[in-house]
Amino acid sequence: MVTRREMSTALALTTLLAAPHAALRAQTSSGGNSGPHHGPNRSSMGVQTLMEEPLGDIADPQVTVITLTVAPGTVSPPHRHTGPVFAYLLEGRIENQVDPGPPKTYKAGDFFYEPAMHVHRMLRNLSKSEPAKLLIFEVGEKGKAFTIGAK
């Protein structure tokens, strides 16, 4: 079951992936509220860009939004993603490592990006008693495997 907070987060992250950032910034800074999707209270909303990353050249692109629940103490095996990944930690604390970077610790409210085809060395739930839950936006080619094994 998706909570209201998770749905709000999903909608906010969808805006990051799909909305024209320059138009949103211009409307926010000028207080504008024109356009078919903006009501008269648009100037009372704040838009904050959390991250911007390229999607790369993907034939027949598709975005999939999933929640990933990681059991206490679980560590994922090494793998690669064929397209970029945008992740937001909803609950818990994890340690995550994507080559060539070092392992990093994330807590609820943190987010990260994984470039396509970089080896995702591990994702570890740091709790021994509580699950960790992530909201993940995967970009890949429609009909093709998104995750492949790595050594």
N, C-alpha and C. Protein backbone atom coordinates (compact mmCIF):
# COMPACT_ATOMS: atom_id res chain seq x y z
N MET A 1 0.84 -1.17 0.00
CA MET A 1 0.00 0.00 0.00
C MET A 1 0.89 1.24 0.00
N VAL A 2 0.61 2.18 -0.86
CA VAL A 2 1.38 3.41 -0.96
C VAL A 2 0.75 4.45 -0.05
N THR A 3 1.57 5.08 0.78
CA THR A 3 1.07 6.10 1.69
C THR A 3 0.97 7.44 0.98
N ARG A 4 0.27 8.38 1.60
CA ARG A 4 0.14 9.72 1.04
C ARG A 4 1.52 10.37 0.89
N ARG A 5 2.41 10.17 1.88
CA ARG A 5 3.76 10.74 1.81
C ARG A 5 4.53 10.16 0.63
N GLU A 6 4.41 8.86 0.41
CA GLU A 6 5.10 8.22 -0.70
C GLU A 6 4.55 8.73 -2.03
N MET A 7 3.24 8.92 -2.12
CA MET A 7 2.65 9.43 -3.36
C MET A 7 3.10 10.86 -3.61
N SER A 8 3.15 11.68 -2.56
CA SER A 8 3.63 13.06 -2.73
C SER A 8 5.07 13.07 -3.20
N THR A 9 5.89 12.19 -2.64
CA THR A 9 7.28 12.09 -3.04
C THR A 9 7.38 11.65 -4.50
N ALA A 10 6.58 10.68 -4.89
CA ALA A 10 6.59 10.19 -6.27
C ALA A 10 6.21 11.31 -7.24
N LEU A 11 5.20 12.07 -6.88
CA LEU A 11 4.78 13.17 -7.74
C LEU A 11 5.87 14.23 -7.84
N ALA A 12 6.53 14.53 -6.73
CA ALA A 12 7.60 15.52 -6.76
C ALA A 12 8.76 15.04 -7.62
N LEU A 13 9.13 13.78 -7.51
CA LEU A 13 10.24 13.26 -8.30
C LEU A 13 9.86 13.12 -9.77
N THR A 14 8.59 12.84 -10.06
CA THR A 14 8.13 12.80 -11.44
C THR A 14 8.31 14.17 -12.08
N THR A 15 8.04 15.21 -11.32
CA THR A 15 8.25 16.57 -11.81
C THR A 15 9.70 16.78 -12.19
N LEU A 16 10.62 16.25 -11.39
CA LEU A 16 12.04 16.39 -11.69
C LEU A 16 12.40 15.74 -13.01
N LEU A 17 11.78 14.59 -13.31
CA LEU A 17 12.12 13.86 -14.51
C LEU A 17 11.41 14.38 -15.75
N ALA A 18 10.20 14.89 -15.60
CA ALA A 18 9.40 15.18 -16.77
C ALA A 18 9.16 16.65 -17.04
N ALA A 19 9.22 17.51 -16.06
CA ALA A 19 8.87 18.92 -16.26
C ALA A 19 10.03 19.70 -16.83
N PRO A 20 9.75 20.70 -17.64
CA PRO A 20 10.82 21.58 -18.13
C PRO A 20 11.29 22.47 -17.00
N HIS A 21 12.51 22.23 -16.54
CA HIS A 21 13.04 22.92 -15.36
C HIS A 21 13.09 24.44 -15.54
N ALA A 22 13.49 24.89 -16.69
CA ALA A 22 13.61 26.34 -16.89
C ALA A 22 12.26 27.02 -16.74
N ALA A 23 11.20 26.43 -17.28
CA ALA A 23 9.87 27.03 -17.18
C ALA A 23 9.41 27.07 -15.74
N LEU A 24 9.67 26.01 -14.99
CA LEU A 24 9.27 25.99 -13.58
C LEU A 24 10.01 27.05 -12.79
N ARG A 25 11.31 27.19 -13.04
CA ARG A 25 12.09 28.20 -12.33
C ARG A 25 11.61 29.60 -12.67
N ALA A 26 11.32 29.84 -13.94
CA ALA A 26 10.86 31.16 -14.36
C ALA A 26 9.52 31.48 -13.71
N GLN A 27 8.61 30.52 -13.65
CA GLN A 27 7.31 30.76 -13.04
C GLN A 27 7.44 30.99 -11.55
N THR A 28 8.31 30.23 -10.90
CA THR A 28 8.49 30.37 -9.46
C THR A 28 9.10 31.72 -9.12
N SER A 29 10.13 32.13 -9.87
CA SER A 29 10.81 33.38 -9.56
C SER A 29 9.96 34.59 -9.92
N SER A 30 9.12 34.48 -10.96
CA SER A 30 8.31 35.63 -11.36
C SER A 30 6.93 35.61 -10.73
N GLY A 31 6.59 34.52 -10.04
CA GLY A 31 5.27 34.42 -9.44
C GLY A 31 4.20 34.15 -10.46
N GLY A 32 4.60 33.78 -11.68
CA GLY A 32 3.64 33.55 -12.75
C GLY A 32 2.76 32.36 -12.45
N ASN A 33 1.55 32.39 -12.98
CA ASN A 33 0.66 31.26 -12.80
C ASN A 33 -0.11 30.96 -14.07
N SER A 34 0.49 31.28 -15.20
CA SER A 34 -0.17 31.00 -16.47
C SER A 34 0.08 29.57 -16.87
N GLY A 35 -0.70 29.12 -17.82
CA GLY A 35 -0.54 27.77 -18.33
C GLY A 35 -1.69 26.89 -17.87
N PRO A 36 -1.92 25.79 -18.59
CA PRO A 36 -3.08 24.95 -18.34
C PRO A 36 -3.05 24.19 -17.02
N HIS A 37 -1.88 23.97 -16.42
CA HIS A 37 -1.79 23.15 -15.21
C HIS A 37 -1.52 23.98 -13.96
N HIS A 38 -1.60 25.28 -14.06
CA HIS A 38 -1.26 26.12 -12.92
C HIS A 38 -2.45 26.98 -12.56
N GLY A 39 -2.98 26.76 -11.38
CA GLY A 39 -4.12 27.55 -10.91
C GLY A 39 -3.66 28.87 -10.35
N PRO A 40 -4.59 29.65 -9.82
CA PRO A 40 -4.27 30.99 -9.33
C PRO A 40 -3.34 30.99 -8.11
N ASN A 41 -3.18 29.86 -7.42
CA ASN A 41 -2.32 29.82 -6.23
C ASN A 41 -0.91 29.34 -6.54
N ARG A 42 -0.53 29.26 -7.81
CA ARG A 42 0.80 28.77 -8.21
C ARG A 42 1.92 29.56 -7.53
N SER A 43 1.73 30.87 -7.35
CA SER A 43 2.79 31.68 -6.76
C SER A 43 3.04 31.33 -5.30
N SER A 44 2.13 30.60 -4.66
CA SER A 44 2.33 30.22 -3.27
C SER A 44 3.05 28.88 -3.14
N MET A 45 3.38 28.24 -4.27
CA MET A 45 4.11 26.98 -4.25
C MET A 45 5.57 27.23 -4.56
N GLY A 46 6.45 26.52 -3.88
CA GLY A 46 7.88 26.63 -4.15
C GLY A 46 8.37 25.40 -4.88
N VAL A 47 9.18 25.58 -5.87
CA VAL A 47 9.79 24.48 -6.61
C VAL A 47 11.27 24.49 -6.31
N GLN A 48 11.77 23.36 -5.84
CA GLN A 48 13.19 23.23 -5.54
C GLN A 48 13.74 22.06 -6.33
N THR A 49 14.72 22.30 -7.18
CA THR A 49 15.35 21.24 -7.94
C THR A 49 16.31 20.49 -7.02
N LEU A 50 16.07 19.19 -6.85
CA LEU A 50 16.92 18.37 -5.99
C LEU A 50 18.10 17.79 -6.75
N MET A 51 17.89 17.47 -8.03
CA MET A 51 18.97 16.91 -8.82
C MET A 51 18.60 17.00 -10.28
N GLU A 52 19.59 17.15 -11.13
CA GLU A 52 19.42 17.12 -12.58
C GLU A 52 20.53 16.25 -13.14
N GLU A 53 20.16 15.25 -13.89
CA GLU A 53 21.14 14.36 -14.50
C GLU A 53 20.67 14.00 -15.90
N PRO A 54 21.59 13.72 -16.82
CA PRO A 54 21.20 13.35 -18.18
C PRO A 54 20.59 11.95 -18.21
N LEU A 55 19.66 11.74 -19.13
CA LEU A 55 19.07 10.41 -19.30
C LEU A 55 19.86 9.57 -20.28
N GLY A 56 20.67 10.20 -21.12
CA GLY A 56 21.46 9.47 -22.10
C GLY A 56 20.62 9.12 -23.31
N ASP A 57 21.25 8.47 -24.27
CA ASP A 57 20.56 8.07 -25.49
C ASP A 57 19.97 6.68 -25.29
N ILE A 58 18.67 6.62 -25.17
CA ILE A 58 17.98 5.35 -24.98
C ILE A 58 16.91 5.23 -26.06
N ALA A 59 17.00 4.15 -26.86
CA ALA A 59 15.98 3.91 -27.87
C ALA A 59 14.70 3.47 -27.18
N ASP A 60 13.57 4.00 -27.59
CA ASP A 60 12.26 3.63 -27.04
C ASP A 60 12.28 3.68 -25.50
N PRO A 61 12.57 4.87 -24.92
CA PRO A 61 12.72 4.97 -23.48
C PRO A 61 11.41 4.75 -22.71
N GLN A 62 11.59 4.26 -21.51
CA GLN A 62 10.46 4.02 -20.60
C GLN A 62 10.92 4.31 -19.19
N VAL A 63 10.08 4.97 -18.41
CA VAL A 63 10.37 5.22 -17.00
C VAL A 63 9.48 4.30 -16.18
N THR A 64 10.08 3.57 -15.26
CA THR A 64 9.36 2.71 -14.34
C THR A 64 9.58 3.24 -12.93
N VAL A 65 8.51 3.36 -12.17
CA VAL A 65 8.60 3.81 -10.79
C VAL A 65 8.25 2.62 -9.90
N ILE A 66 9.17 2.29 -9.00
CA ILE A 66 8.96 1.15 -8.10
C ILE A 66 9.28 1.54 -6.67
N THR A 67 8.78 0.77 -5.74
CA THR A 67 9.28 0.85 -4.37
C THR A 67 10.09 -0.41 -4.14
N LEU A 68 11.20 -0.26 -3.47
CA LEU A 68 12.08 -1.37 -3.14
C LEU A 68 12.18 -1.45 -1.63
N THR A 69 11.76 -2.57 -1.06
CA THR A 69 11.86 -2.78 0.38
C THR A 69 13.02 -3.73 0.62
N VAL A 70 13.97 -3.29 1.44
CA VAL A 70 15.18 -4.07 1.71
C VAL A 70 15.09 -4.57 3.16
N ALA A 71 15.06 -5.87 3.32
CA ALA A 71 14.93 -6.47 4.65
C ALA A 71 16.13 -6.12 5.52
N PRO A 72 15.95 -6.14 6.84
CA PRO A 72 17.04 -5.83 7.76
C PRO A 72 18.29 -6.66 7.46
N GLY A 73 19.44 -6.00 7.40
CA GLY A 73 20.71 -6.67 7.19
C GLY A 73 20.98 -7.16 5.77
N THR A 74 20.05 -7.00 4.86
CA THR A 74 20.21 -7.50 3.48
C THR A 74 21.26 -6.69 2.73
N VAL A 75 22.06 -7.39 1.89
CA VAL A 75 23.03 -6.75 1.02
C VAL A 75 22.78 -7.26 -0.40
N SER A 76 22.62 -6.33 -1.35
CA SER A 76 22.37 -6.72 -2.75
C SER A 76 23.67 -7.21 -3.39
N PRO A 77 23.58 -8.11 -4.37
CA PRO A 77 24.77 -8.53 -5.11
C PRO A 77 25.14 -7.46 -6.14
N PRO A 78 26.39 -7.47 -6.64
CA PRO A 78 26.80 -6.50 -7.67
C PRO A 78 25.95 -6.66 -8.93
N HIS A 79 25.60 -5.53 -9.54
CA HIS A 79 24.80 -5.52 -10.76
C HIS A 79 24.98 -4.20 -11.49
N ARG A 80 24.44 -4.11 -12.68
CA ARG A 80 24.43 -2.88 -13.47
C ARG A 80 22.99 -2.60 -13.88
N HIS A 81 22.72 -1.32 -14.11
CA HIS A 81 21.44 -0.91 -14.66
C HIS A 81 21.71 -0.37 -16.07
N THR A 82 20.88 -0.77 -17.03
CA THR A 82 21.09 -0.37 -18.41
C THR A 82 20.72 1.08 -18.67
N GLY A 83 20.02 1.70 -17.74
CA GLY A 83 19.68 3.12 -17.82
C GLY A 83 19.91 3.77 -16.47
N PRO A 84 19.76 5.09 -16.39
CA PRO A 84 19.99 5.78 -15.13
C PRO A 84 18.91 5.46 -14.09
N VAL A 85 19.29 5.61 -12.82
CA VAL A 85 18.40 5.36 -11.69
C VAL A 85 18.38 6.61 -10.81
N PHE A 86 17.17 7.00 -10.42
CA PHE A 86 16.97 8.09 -9.47
C PHE A 86 16.27 7.47 -8.27
N ALA A 87 16.86 7.60 -7.08
CA ALA A 87 16.31 6.93 -5.91
C ALA A 87 16.12 7.92 -4.76
N TYR A 88 15.05 7.71 -3.99
CA TYR A 88 14.71 8.51 -2.83
C TYR A 88 14.44 7.56 -1.68
N LEU A 89 15.13 7.73 -0.56
CA LEU A 89 14.97 6.84 0.58
C LEU A 89 13.78 7.29 1.41
N LEU A 90 12.74 6.46 1.46
CA LEU A 90 11.52 6.76 2.19
C LEU A 90 11.65 6.44 3.68
N GLU A 91 12.28 5.29 3.98
CA GLU A 91 12.40 4.82 5.36
C GLU A 91 13.74 4.13 5.56
N GLY A 92 14.29 4.26 6.76
CA GLY A 92 15.47 3.50 7.14
C GLY A 92 16.78 4.20 6.82
N ARG A 93 17.86 3.39 6.92
CA ARG A 93 19.23 3.84 6.61
C ARG A 93 19.88 2.75 5.79
N ILE A 94 20.57 3.18 4.72
CA ILE A 94 21.27 2.23 3.86
C ILE A 94 22.69 2.70 3.61
N GLU A 95 23.52 1.75 3.19
CA GLU A 95 24.83 2.06 2.65
C GLU A 95 24.76 1.64 1.19
N ASN A 96 25.24 2.49 0.30
CA ASN A 96 25.14 2.24 -1.14
C ASN A 96 26.48 2.56 -1.79
N GLN A 97 26.90 1.73 -2.73
CA GLN A 97 28.13 2.01 -3.47
C GLN A 97 27.93 1.75 -4.95
N VAL A 98 28.24 2.78 -5.75
CA VAL A 98 28.21 2.68 -7.20
C VAL A 98 29.58 3.12 -7.70
N ASP A 99 30.23 2.26 -8.51
CA ASP A 99 31.55 2.59 -9.05
C ASP A 99 31.49 3.87 -9.87
N PRO A 100 32.48 4.69 -9.83
CA PRO A 100 33.76 4.54 -9.15
C PRO A 100 33.77 5.16 -7.74
N GLY A 101 32.62 5.55 -7.23
CA GLY A 101 32.57 6.23 -5.94
C GLY A 101 32.72 5.31 -4.74
N PRO A 102 33.01 5.89 -3.58
CA PRO A 102 33.10 5.12 -2.34
C PRO A 102 31.70 4.82 -1.81
N PRO A 103 31.59 3.91 -0.84
CA PRO A 103 30.28 3.68 -0.21
C PRO A 103 29.79 4.96 0.47
N LYS A 104 28.48 5.20 0.42
CA LYS A 104 27.86 6.35 1.06
C LYS A 104 26.66 5.88 1.88
N THR A 105 26.41 6.59 2.98
CA THR A 105 25.27 6.28 3.84
C THR A 105 24.15 7.26 3.56
N TYR A 106 22.93 6.73 3.47
CA TYR A 106 21.74 7.55 3.22
C TYR A 106 20.69 7.25 4.28
N LYS A 107 19.92 8.27 4.65
CA LYS A 107 18.82 8.13 5.61
C LYS A 107 17.54 8.59 4.94
N ALA A 108 16.40 8.34 5.58
CA ALA A 108 15.10 8.76 5.04
C ALA A 108 15.16 10.24 4.66
N GLY A 109 14.70 10.54 3.44
CA GLY A 109 14.72 11.90 2.93
C GLY A 109 15.89 12.19 2.01
N ASP A 110 16.90 11.31 2.00
CA ASP A 110 18.04 11.48 1.10
C ASP A 110 17.72 10.87 -0.26
N PHE A 111 18.47 11.28 -1.28
CA PHE A 111 18.27 10.76 -2.62
C PHE A 111 19.62 10.60 -3.29
N PHE A 112 19.65 9.77 -4.35
CA PHE A 112 20.88 9.57 -5.09
C PHE A 112 20.58 9.19 -6.53
N TYR A 113 21.62 9.28 -7.35
CA TYR A 113 21.56 9.00 -8.78
C TYR A 113 22.59 7.94 -9.10
N GLU A 114 22.22 7.01 -9.99
CA GLU A 114 23.16 6.01 -10.48
C GLU A 114 23.23 6.12 -12.00
N PRO A 115 24.40 6.43 -12.55
CA PRO A 115 24.52 6.49 -14.01
C PRO A 115 24.34 5.11 -14.64
N ALA A 116 23.91 5.09 -15.87
CA ALA A 116 23.73 3.83 -16.60
C ALA A 116 25.05 3.08 -16.71
N MET A 117 24.97 1.77 -16.57
CA MET A 117 26.05 0.81 -16.76
C MET A 117 27.21 0.92 -15.77
N HIS A 118 27.10 1.75 -14.75
CA HIS A 118 28.11 1.73 -13.68
C HIS A 118 27.80 0.54 -12.78
N VAL A 119 28.84 -0.11 -12.28
CA VAL A 119 28.61 -1.26 -11.41
C VAL A 119 28.08 -0.77 -10.06
N HIS A 120 26.92 -1.29 -9.71
CA HIS A 120 26.32 -1.02 -8.40
C HIS A 120 26.83 -2.13 -7.49
N ARG A 121 27.90 -1.82 -6.75
CA ARG A 121 28.61 -2.83 -5.94
C ARG A 121 27.74 -3.40 -4.83
N MET A 122 26.99 -2.52 -4.14
CA MET A 122 26.15 -3.04 -3.07
C MET A 122 25.19 -1.98 -2.57
N LEU A 123 24.10 -2.48 -2.04
CA LEU A 123 23.14 -1.67 -1.30
C LEU A 123 22.85 -2.49 -0.05
N ARG A 124 23.10 -1.90 1.11
CA ARG A 124 22.98 -2.64 2.37
C ARG A 124 22.03 -1.90 3.31
N ASN A 125 21.06 -2.63 3.87
CA ASN A 125 20.23 -2.07 4.91
C ASN A 125 21.05 -2.10 6.20
N LEU A 126 21.26 -0.93 6.80
CA LEU A 126 22.11 -0.84 7.99
C LEU A 126 21.41 -1.27 9.28
N SER A 127 20.10 -1.43 9.23
CA SER A 127 19.36 -1.84 10.43
C SER A 127 19.34 -3.37 10.54
N LYS A 128 19.37 -3.85 11.77
CA LYS A 128 19.24 -5.28 12.03
C LYS A 128 17.80 -5.66 12.35
N SER A 129 16.92 -4.64 12.46
CA SER A 129 15.55 -4.94 12.86
C SER A 129 14.46 -4.27 12.00
N GLU A 130 14.79 -3.22 11.26
CA GLU A 130 13.79 -2.48 10.49
C GLU A 130 14.10 -2.52 8.99
N PRO A 131 13.07 -2.68 8.16
CA PRO A 131 13.31 -2.63 6.71
C PRO A 131 13.64 -1.21 6.27
N ALA A 132 14.30 -1.10 5.12
CA ALA A 132 14.53 0.19 4.46
C ALA A 132 13.65 0.19 3.23
N LYS A 133 13.10 1.36 2.89
CA LYS A 133 12.21 1.44 1.73
C LYS A 133 12.64 2.59 0.84
N LEU A 134 12.80 2.28 -0.45
CA LEU A 134 13.23 3.28 -1.44
C LEU A 134 12.16 3.44 -2.51
N LEU A 135 12.04 4.66 -3.01
CA LEU A 135 11.22 4.96 -4.17
C LEU A 135 12.21 5.15 -5.31
N ILE A 136 12.07 4.35 -6.37
CA ILE A 136 13.06 4.32 -7.44
C ILE A 136 12.40 4.61 -8.79
N PHE A 137 13.03 5.53 -9.54
CA PHE A 137 12.65 5.83 -10.91
C PHE A 137 13.74 5.24 -11.79
N GLU A 138 13.37 4.24 -12.60
CA GLU A 138 14.31 3.58 -13.50
C GLU A 138 14.02 4.04 -14.92
N VAL A 139 15.04 4.39 -15.64
CA VAL A 139 14.88 4.75 -17.05
C VAL A 139 15.57 3.66 -17.86
N GLY A 140 14.86 3.10 -18.81
CA GLY A 140 15.45 2.04 -19.61
C GLY A 140 14.74 1.92 -20.95
N GLU A 141 15.17 0.96 -21.73
CA GLU A 141 14.55 0.71 -23.04
C GLU A 141 13.35 -0.21 -22.86
N LYS A 142 12.23 0.20 -23.41
CA LYS A 142 10.99 -0.55 -23.29
C LYS A 142 11.19 -1.98 -23.78
N GLY A 143 10.76 -2.95 -22.95
CA GLY A 143 10.83 -4.36 -23.32
C GLY A 143 12.17 -5.03 -23.09
N LYS A 144 13.17 -4.30 -22.61
CA LYS A 144 14.51 -4.87 -22.38
C LYS A 144 14.77 -4.98 -20.87
N ALA A 145 15.68 -5.88 -20.50
CA ALA A 145 16.06 -6.04 -19.10
C ALA A 145 16.69 -4.74 -18.60
N PHE A 146 16.34 -4.37 -17.39
CA PHE A 146 16.88 -3.15 -16.82
C PHE A 146 18.08 -3.42 -15.93
N THR A 147 18.09 -4.56 -15.26
CA THR A 147 19.18 -4.92 -14.35
C THR A 147 19.89 -6.15 -14.90
N ILE A 148 21.23 -6.07 -14.95
CA ILE A 148 22.04 -7.21 -15.40
C ILE A 148 23.13 -7.47 -14.37
N GLY A 149 23.60 -8.70 -14.29
CA GLY A 149 24.63 -9.08 -13.33
C GLY A 149 25.96 -8.39 -13.61
N ALA A 150 26.79 -8.32 -12.59
CA ALA A 150 28.14 -7.74 -12.71
C ALA A 150 29.05 -8.49 -11.75
N LYS A 151 30.36 -8.41 -12.03
CA LYS A 151 31.35 -9.06 -11.18
C LYS A 151 32.08 -8.04 -10.36
